[in-house]
Protein backbone atom coordinates (compact mmCIF):
# COMPACT_ATOMS: atom_id res chain seq x y z
CA MET A 1 -0.62 3.52 27.96
CA HIS A 2 -1.73 1.22 25.14
CA TRP A 3 -4.05 3.90 23.79
CA LEU A 4 -1.11 6.30 23.29
CA ALA A 5 0.87 3.74 21.31
CA ASP A 6 -2.22 2.92 19.24
CA LEU A 7 -2.78 6.61 18.51
CA MET A 8 0.88 7.27 17.68
CA ALA A 9 0.91 4.37 15.21
CA ALA A 10 -2.29 5.68 13.60
CA ILE A 11 -0.84 9.19 13.29
CA GLY A 12 2.36 7.80 11.82
CA VAL A 13 0.50 5.94 9.08
CA VAL A 14 -1.63 9.03 8.39
CA LEU A 15 1.59 11.04 7.92
CA ASN A 16 2.80 8.24 5.67
CA GLY A 17 -0.36 8.55 3.54
CA ILE A 18 -0.26 12.31 3.07
CA PRO A 19 2.31 12.29 0.21
CA GLN A 20 0.28 9.64 -1.63
CA GLY A 21 -2.86 11.69 -1.05
CA ILE A 22 -1.14 14.65 -2.68
CA MET A 23 -0.17 12.42 -5.59
CA ALA A 24 -3.82 11.42 -5.97
CA MET A 25 -4.89 15.06 -6.08
CA THR A 26 -2.30 15.93 -8.73
CA LEU A 27 -3.77 13.15 -10.90
CA GLY A 28 -7.18 14.83 -10.69
CA PHE A 29 -8.88 12.63 -8.09
CA ALA A 30 -11.34 14.39 -5.80
CA ILE A 31 -10.61 14.28 -2.08
CA PHE A 32 -14.11 14.78 -0.63
CA PRO A 33 -15.72 11.52 -1.91
CA THR A 34 -12.56 9.58 -1.02
CA SER A 35 -13.16 10.35 2.66
CA PHE A 36 -16.17 8.01 2.64
CA SER A 37 -13.95 5.12 1.47
CA PHE A 38 -11.94 5.46 4.67
CA VAL A 39 -15.10 5.53 6.78
CA PHE A 40 -16.31 2.38 5.01
CA GLY A 41 -12.99 0.66 5.66
CA ALA A 42 -13.12 1.59 9.35
CA LEU A 43 -16.65 0.21 9.69
CA VAL A 44 -15.73 -3.10 8.05
CA ASN A 45 -12.57 -3.55 10.11
CA GLY A 46 -14.48 -2.78 13.29
CA ALA A 47 -17.19 -5.29 12.38
CA VAL A 48 -14.88 -8.19 11.48
CA GLY A 49 -11.85 -7.33 13.63
CA SER A 50 -9.42 -6.97 10.72
CA VAL A 51 -5.91 -5.64 11.39
CA ALA A 52 -5.31 -4.66 7.73
CA PRO A 53 -6.44 -1.10 6.91
CA ILE A 54 -6.74 0.50 3.48
CA SER A 55 -5.26 3.80 2.37
CA PHE A 56 -3.64 5.60 -0.55
CA GLN A 57 -1.13 3.38 -2.33
CA ALA A 58 1.68 4.88 -4.40
CA GLU A 59 1.97 1.83 -6.67
CA SER A 60 -1.65 1.92 -7.89
CA LEU A 61 -1.56 5.71 -8.33
CA GLY A 62 1.62 5.47 -10.36
CA LEU A 63 0.10 2.77 -12.55
CA LEU A 64 -3.06 4.82 -13.11
CA SER A 65 -1.00 7.82 -14.20
CA ARG A 66 0.30 5.69 -17.09
CA LEU A 67 -2.84 3.70 -17.89
CA GLY A 68 -5.37 6.53 -18.28
CA GLN A 69 -5.12 9.76 -20.21
CA THR A 70 -8.03 11.62 -18.58
CA HIS A 71 -9.66 11.75 -15.16
CA ARG A 72 -12.78 10.00 -16.48
CA GLU A 73 -10.68 7.27 -18.06
CA ARG A 74 -8.74 6.68 -14.86
CA SER A 75 -11.94 6.54 -12.82
CA SER A 76 -13.36 3.99 -15.27
CA ILE A 77 -10.21 1.89 -14.89
CA ILE A 78 -10.64 1.95 -11.10
CA LEU A 79 -14.27 0.86 -11.47
CA GLY A 80 -13.39 -2.02 -13.78
CA GLY A 81 -10.53 -3.17 -11.58
CA SER A 82 -12.72 -3.03 -8.47
CA ILE A 83 -15.38 -5.23 -10.11
CA ILE A 84 -12.74 -7.85 -10.91
CA MET A 85 -11.36 -7.70 -7.36
CA LEU A 86 -14.86 -7.95 -5.88
CA VAL A 87 -15.48 -11.21 -7.74
CA ILE A 88 -12.11 -12.52 -6.51
CA GLY A 89 -12.88 -11.52 -2.92
CA LEU A 90 -16.41 -12.92 -2.83
CA THR A 91 -15.39 -16.25 -4.36
CA GLY A 92 -12.41 -16.71 -2.02
CA THR A 93 -10.01 -16.99 -4.95
CA LEU A 94 -7.23 -15.05 -3.24
CA THR A 95 -6.82 -17.51 -0.38
CA SER A 96 -6.93 -20.33 -2.92
CA ILE A 97 -3.99 -18.72 -4.72
CA VAL A 98 -1.99 -18.68 -1.47
CA HIS A 99 -2.85 -22.33 -0.77
CA VAL A 100 -1.98 -23.56 -4.26
CA LEU A 101 1.31 -21.67 -4.64
CA GLY A 102 2.64 -22.65 -1.23
CA ASN A 103 4.56 -20.87 1.52
CA GLY A 104 7.90 -20.84 -0.31
CA ILE A 105 6.68 -18.86 -3.31
CA ILE A 106 4.61 -16.52 -1.12
CA ALA A 107 7.64 -15.92 1.13
CA GLY A 108 9.80 -15.29 -1.95
CA MET A 109 7.33 -12.71 -3.20
CA MET A 110 7.20 -11.01 0.21
CA ALA A 111 11.01 -10.91 0.39
CA GLY A 112 10.99 -9.36 -3.08
CA VAL A 113 8.55 -6.73 -1.82
CA GLY A 114 11.08 -5.94 0.91
CA LEU A 115 13.77 -5.29 -1.69
CA MET A 116 11.31 -3.29 -3.79
CA LEU A 117 10.48 -1.02 -0.87
CA SER A 118 14.18 -0.56 -0.10
CA LYS A 119 14.81 0.43 -3.72
CA ILE A 120 11.93 2.92 -3.64
CA SER A 121 13.41 4.41 -0.47
CA LEU A 122 16.85 4.89 -2.04
CA THR A 123 15.28 6.42 -5.16
CA MET A 124 13.44 8.92 -2.95
CA VAL A 125 16.71 9.85 -1.26
CA LYS A 126 18.34 10.31 -4.66
CA ASN A 127 15.54 12.59 -5.86
CA GLU A 128 15.16 14.59 -2.62
CA ARG A 129 18.51 14.34 -0.87
CA ILE A 130 17.89 16.61 2.09
CA ALA A 131 14.40 15.40 3.04
CA GLY A 132 15.09 11.79 2.10
CA GLY A 133 18.49 11.69 3.77
CA THR A 134 17.05 13.15 6.96
CA SER A 135 14.22 10.63 6.94
CA VAL A 136 16.59 7.67 6.52
CA GLY A 137 19.05 8.94 9.11
CA VAL A 138 16.39 9.56 11.76
CA ALA A 139 14.62 6.26 10.96
CA VAL A 140 17.79 4.17 11.27
CA LEU A 141 18.84 5.87 14.51
CA THR A 142 15.34 5.60 16.01
CA TYR A 143 14.99 1.93 15.13
CA LEU A 144 18.46 1.08 16.48
CA LEU A 145 17.58 2.74 19.78
CA THR A 146 13.96 1.63 20.17
CA LYS A 147 13.35 -1.35 17.83
CA ASP A 148 9.88 0.22 17.52
CA LEU A 149 8.35 0.70 14.06
CA VAL A 150 5.76 3.20 15.34
CA TRP A 151 8.32 5.68 16.67
CA THR A 152 10.45 5.08 13.59
CA ILE A 153 7.79 6.30 11.17
CA VAL A 154 6.55 9.15 13.38
CA LEU A 155 9.94 10.71 14.11
CA SER A 156 11.38 10.23 10.61
CA VAL A 157 8.36 11.80 8.87
CA ILE A 158 8.19 14.76 11.27
CA ALA A 159 11.94 15.41 11.18
CA SER A 160 12.22 15.27 7.38
CA SER A 161 9.15 17.50 6.97
CA LEU A 162 10.57 20.13 9.33
CA VAL A 163 13.90 20.07 7.51
CA ALA A 164 12.16 20.37 4.14
CA VAL A 165 9.95 23.28 5.21
CA TYR A 166 12.51 25.33 7.13
CA GLY A 167 15.64 24.23 5.29
CA THR A 168 14.58 24.15 1.64
CA HIS A 169 11.26 26.09 1.87
CA TYR A 170 9.34 23.11 0.45
CA ARG A 171 5.85 23.85 -0.91
CA VAL A 172 3.40 22.03 -3.21
CA GLU A 173 0.70 23.82 -5.21
CA LEU A 174 -2.47 21.78 -5.76
CA PRO A 175 -5.31 22.16 -8.33
CA GLN A 176 -8.36 23.84 -6.80
CA TYR A 177 -11.12 21.68 -8.28
CA VAL A 178 -9.98 18.45 -6.66
CA VAL A 179 -10.46 19.83 -3.14
CA GLU A 180 -14.04 21.05 -3.56
CA ARG A 181 -16.52 19.61 -1.06
CA ARG A 182 -18.94 18.44 -3.74
CA PHE A 183 -19.92 15.23 -5.50
CA HIS A 184 -19.40 15.00 -9.26
CA PHE A 185 -20.82 11.85 -10.85
CA LEU A 186 -18.59 10.51 -13.62
CA LYS A 187 -20.26 8.31 -16.20
CA PRO A 188 -18.05 5.27 -16.80
CA MET A 189 -16.54 4.87 -20.24
CA PHE A 190 -15.35 1.70 -21.95
CA ASN A 191 -12.63 1.38 -24.55
CA LEU A 192 -9.63 -0.86 -25.10
CA ARG A 193 -7.41 1.29 -22.88
CA VAL A 194 -9.92 1.12 -20.01
CA ILE A 195 -10.29 -2.67 -20.29
CA ARG A 196 -6.53 -3.19 -20.42
CA GLY A 197 -6.06 -0.77 -17.54
CA ALA A 198 -8.67 -2.50 -15.38
CA LEU A 199 -6.97 -5.86 -15.87
CA SER A 200 -3.56 -4.37 -15.11
CA LEU A 201 -4.84 -2.67 -11.95
CA ALA A 202 -6.51 -5.90 -10.82
CA CYS A 203 -3.26 -7.82 -11.32
CA LEU A 204 -1.37 -5.25 -9.26
CA ASN A 205 -3.96 -5.45 -6.49
CA ILE A 206 -3.86 -9.25 -6.42
CA GLY A 207 -0.14 -9.12 -5.73
CA ALA A 208 -0.46 -6.17 -3.34
CA ASN A 209 -3.30 -7.69 -1.32
CA ILE A 210 -1.38 -10.92 -0.85
CA SER A 211 2.00 -9.36 -0.13
CA TYR A 212 1.02 -6.20 1.76
CA GLY A 213 -1.84 -7.91 3.56
CA LEU A 214 0.35 -10.75 4.78
CA VAL A 215 3.21 -8.41 5.69
CA THR A 216 0.82 -6.31 7.77
CA GLY A 217 -0.35 -9.49 9.46
CA GLN A 218 3.27 -10.46 10.19
CA LEU A 219 3.86 -7.15 11.98
CA THR A 220 1.32 -8.18 14.64
CA ASN A 221 3.46 -11.20 15.65
CA ILE A 222 0.18 -13.14 15.94
CA LYS A 223 0.34 -16.76 14.74
CA PRO A 224 -1.15 -17.83 12.43
CA ASN A 225 -1.27 -14.71 10.26
CA PRO A 226 -4.47 -12.86 11.30
CA VAL A 227 -5.20 -11.16 7.96
CA ASN A 228 -8.21 -12.49 6.03
CA LEU A 229 -7.27 -11.78 2.42
CA ASN A 230 -10.82 -12.25 1.11
CA ILE A 231 -12.24 -9.65 3.52
CA LEU A 232 -9.39 -7.25 2.68
CA THR A 233 -10.02 -7.72 -1.04
CA GLY A 234 -13.78 -7.23 -0.72
CA THR A 235 -13.35 -4.11 1.42
CA GLN A 236 -10.91 -2.56 -1.02
CA ALA A 237 -13.11 -3.45 -4.01
CA PHE A 238 -16.33 -2.00 -2.54
CA ALA A 239 -14.52 1.18 -1.44
CA ASP A 240 -13.01 1.74 -4.90
CA MET A 241 -16.25 0.93 -6.69
CA GLY A 242 -18.17 3.65 -4.88
CA THR A 243 -15.56 6.38 -4.94
CA SER A 244 -14.67 5.85 -8.62
CA LEU A 245 -18.18 6.84 -9.71
CA LEU A 246 -17.75 10.14 -7.87
CA GLY A 247 -14.28 10.92 -9.17
CA GLY A 248 -12.52 9.92 -5.95
CA ALA A 249 -9.11 8.34 -5.52
CA PRO A 250 -8.52 4.58 -5.12
CA VAL A 251 -7.69 3.22 -1.67
CA GLU A 252 -5.88 -0.08 -1.54
CA SER A 253 -4.14 -2.45 0.85
CA ILE A 254 -0.97 -1.08 2.44
CA ILE A 255 1.81 -2.21 4.75
CA SER A 256 0.64 -0.49 7.90
CA ALA A 257 2.63 0.22 11.04
CA THR A 258 -0.67 0.14 12.96
CA ALA A 259 -0.30 -3.65 12.95
CA SER A 260 2.67 -3.32 15.34
CA ALA A 261 0.60 -1.30 17.84
CA PRO A 262 -0.65 -2.97 21.07
CA GLU A 263 -4.21 -3.04 19.70
CA PRO A 264 -3.73 -3.36 15.93
CA VAL A 265 -7.44 -3.39 15.04
CA VAL A 266 -8.16 -0.25 17.08
CA SER A 267 -5.08 1.52 15.72
CA GLY A 268 -6.01 0.71 12.11
CA ILE A 269 -9.55 2.01 12.64
CA LEU A 270 -8.18 5.21 14.21
CA MET A 271 -5.90 5.68 11.22
CA MET A 272 -8.73 5.42 8.69
CA LEU A 273 -11.01 7.72 10.69
CA LEU A 274 -8.24 10.31 11.06
CA MET A 275 -7.57 10.14 7.33
CA ALA A 276 -11.29 10.52 6.60
CA LEU A 277 -11.35 13.59 8.85
CA LEU A 278 -8.38 15.11 7.04
CA LEU A 279 -10.06 14.61 3.68
CA PHE A 280 -13.59 15.61 4.73
CA SER A 281 -12.45 18.80 6.44
CA GLY A 282 -10.05 19.87 3.69
CA TRP A 283 -7.04 19.75 6.00
CA LEU A 284 -5.11 17.28 3.83
CA PRO A 285 -4.34 19.79 1.06
CA ARG A 286 -3.09 22.26 3.70
CA LEU A 287 -0.92 19.69 5.47
CA GLY A 288 0.23 18.21 2.19
CA LYS A 289 1.94 21.41 1.16
CA TYR A 290 4.55 20.80 3.86
CA VAL A 291 5.12 17.02 3.78
CA PRO A 292 7.53 15.89 1.04
CA ALA A 293 7.11 12.51 -0.62
CA ALA A 294 10.61 11.54 0.54
CA SER A 295 9.53 11.83 4.19
CA ILE A 296 8.58 8.13 4.15
CA ALA A 297 11.96 7.00 2.76
CA GLY A 298 13.32 6.03 6.18
CA PHE A 299 10.25 4.02 7.13
CA LEU A 300 10.30 2.18 3.80
CA LEU A 301 13.98 1.31 4.17
CA ILE A 302 13.60 -0.10 7.69
CA LEU A 303 10.39 -1.90 6.76
CA GLY A 304 11.81 -3.42 3.58
CA ALA A 305 15.43 -4.20 4.48
CA VAL A 306 15.14 -4.96 8.20
CA ILE A 307 11.58 -6.15 8.88
CA ILE A 308 10.34 -7.87 5.71
CA PHE A 309 13.32 -9.18 3.77
CA PRO A 310 15.40 -11.25 6.25
CA GLU A 311 12.65 -13.44 7.70
CA ASN A 312 10.90 -14.10 4.41
CA ALA A 313 14.12 -14.66 2.44
CA ALA A 314 15.21 -17.26 4.99
CA LEU A 315 11.88 -19.07 4.61
CA ALA A 316 11.92 -18.85 0.82
CA LEU A 317 15.47 -20.11 0.33
CA LYS A 318 15.18 -23.38 2.23
CA GLY A 319 13.72 -26.67 1.17
CA SER A 320 13.34 -28.39 -2.20
CA GLY A 321 11.58 -25.48 -3.88
CA ALA A 322 14.23 -22.89 -3.03
CA SER A 323 15.18 -22.25 -6.66
CA VAL A 324 11.62 -21.41 -7.68
CA SER A 325 11.16 -19.23 -4.60
CA ALA A 326 14.41 -17.42 -5.40
CA LEU A 327 13.20 -16.65 -8.92
CA THR A 328 9.94 -15.38 -7.47
CA LEU A 329 11.91 -13.13 -5.13
CA ILE A 330 14.08 -11.69 -7.90
CA VAL A 331 11.25 -11.05 -10.38
CA THR A 332 9.11 -9.44 -7.66
CA ALA A 333 11.97 -7.12 -6.70
CA LEU A 334 12.73 -6.15 -10.31
CA VAL A 335 9.18 -5.95 -11.73
CA ASP A 336 6.17 -6.28 -9.37
CA PRO A 337 4.50 -8.81 -7.05
CA MET A 338 2.11 -10.13 -9.69
CA SER A 339 4.95 -10.88 -12.12
CA GLY A 340 6.78 -12.63 -9.32
CA LEU A 341 3.77 -14.82 -8.56
CA LEU A 342 3.30 -15.71 -12.23
CA THR A 343 6.97 -16.62 -12.52
CA GLY A 344 6.75 -18.85 -9.46
CA ALA A 345 3.59 -20.53 -10.75
CA ILE A 346 5.10 -21.20 -14.18
CA PHE A 347 8.25 -22.79 -12.80
CA LYS A 348 6.35 -24.80 -10.18
CA PHE A 349 3.48 -26.16 -12.27
CA ILE A 350 3.76 -25.55 -16.01
CA LEU A 351 7.39 -26.36 -16.85
CA PRO A 352 7.34 -29.76 -15.10
CA ILE A 353 4.35 -30.76 -17.26
CA ILE A 354 6.44 -30.37 -20.41
CA GLY A 355 9.43 -32.12 -18.87
CA LEU A 356 11.35 -29.03 -17.77
CA GLY A 357 12.04 -27.65 -14.34
CA LEU A 358 14.66 -26.63 -11.82
């Protein structure tokens, strides 16, 4: 019955990605060319046996909504950011960052990500009380009864979507041009806003690839962590580089419940192929009208507060570097993973040079 669990995990993560896909469409990103990014990700993961899939990421989409003023500008920011990430992936810089900073700071950042996800979940519940509250209630009950992250995401997303559709008559109207099955080449543009945006997006992805990639690896319970951060970074960069020139949406590293499936590589590939099918066929806009963003609130709360935070906080807050790791945790939770890493690096390396430190 492993295949059923693998498929259920894949479907759960697809349901998780639908609200972010809708967010991408509302920002003007075309869905048709984005489908090929998922196919590319599936091919790479199948070739190298990676357990870390790529998909829509709410954090990068939210950042792009603030960084760029037009669709062309946002696509140019994605292109610039992907070039930076490609250099980082090909040179192996990301794994060097993990090695230099040490396990304590990395664990502090990951614990901060857990708190960040929990905060996002509670904000979703505040904004959409019925759908979000249903999602959290079903997720908590399911996890208490099963201790299974796959069933937690599947049942909470389905239950909250049904309540939203039949209880509050939830509907989302989407722009027509973003769902056309056509390619539209966008000539890149360069200005100060694009350059600044590309650097900001790259910084976010550095933190996300480290934190989300390693968290996904932790969900497999395989020791040592099976995620190759350089391969994940290169896959994400190549996918974004191609789709940005055609007006498509960015796909980034995510925390994926497919990693907790019996066959995490197979489940992750299934997820990306299913998402590609939804985008290529035009089904995503139809499904997206009935899945509220708050449907993933329960999954995020369990993932952040129960799965990620306790183990990583315990690792971060022991040993001689606990104070630096604690600062990394707090800054990550309050700002973002990249700011947390920079804070940890400053307190570990720079302040001692000038005679200061904790």
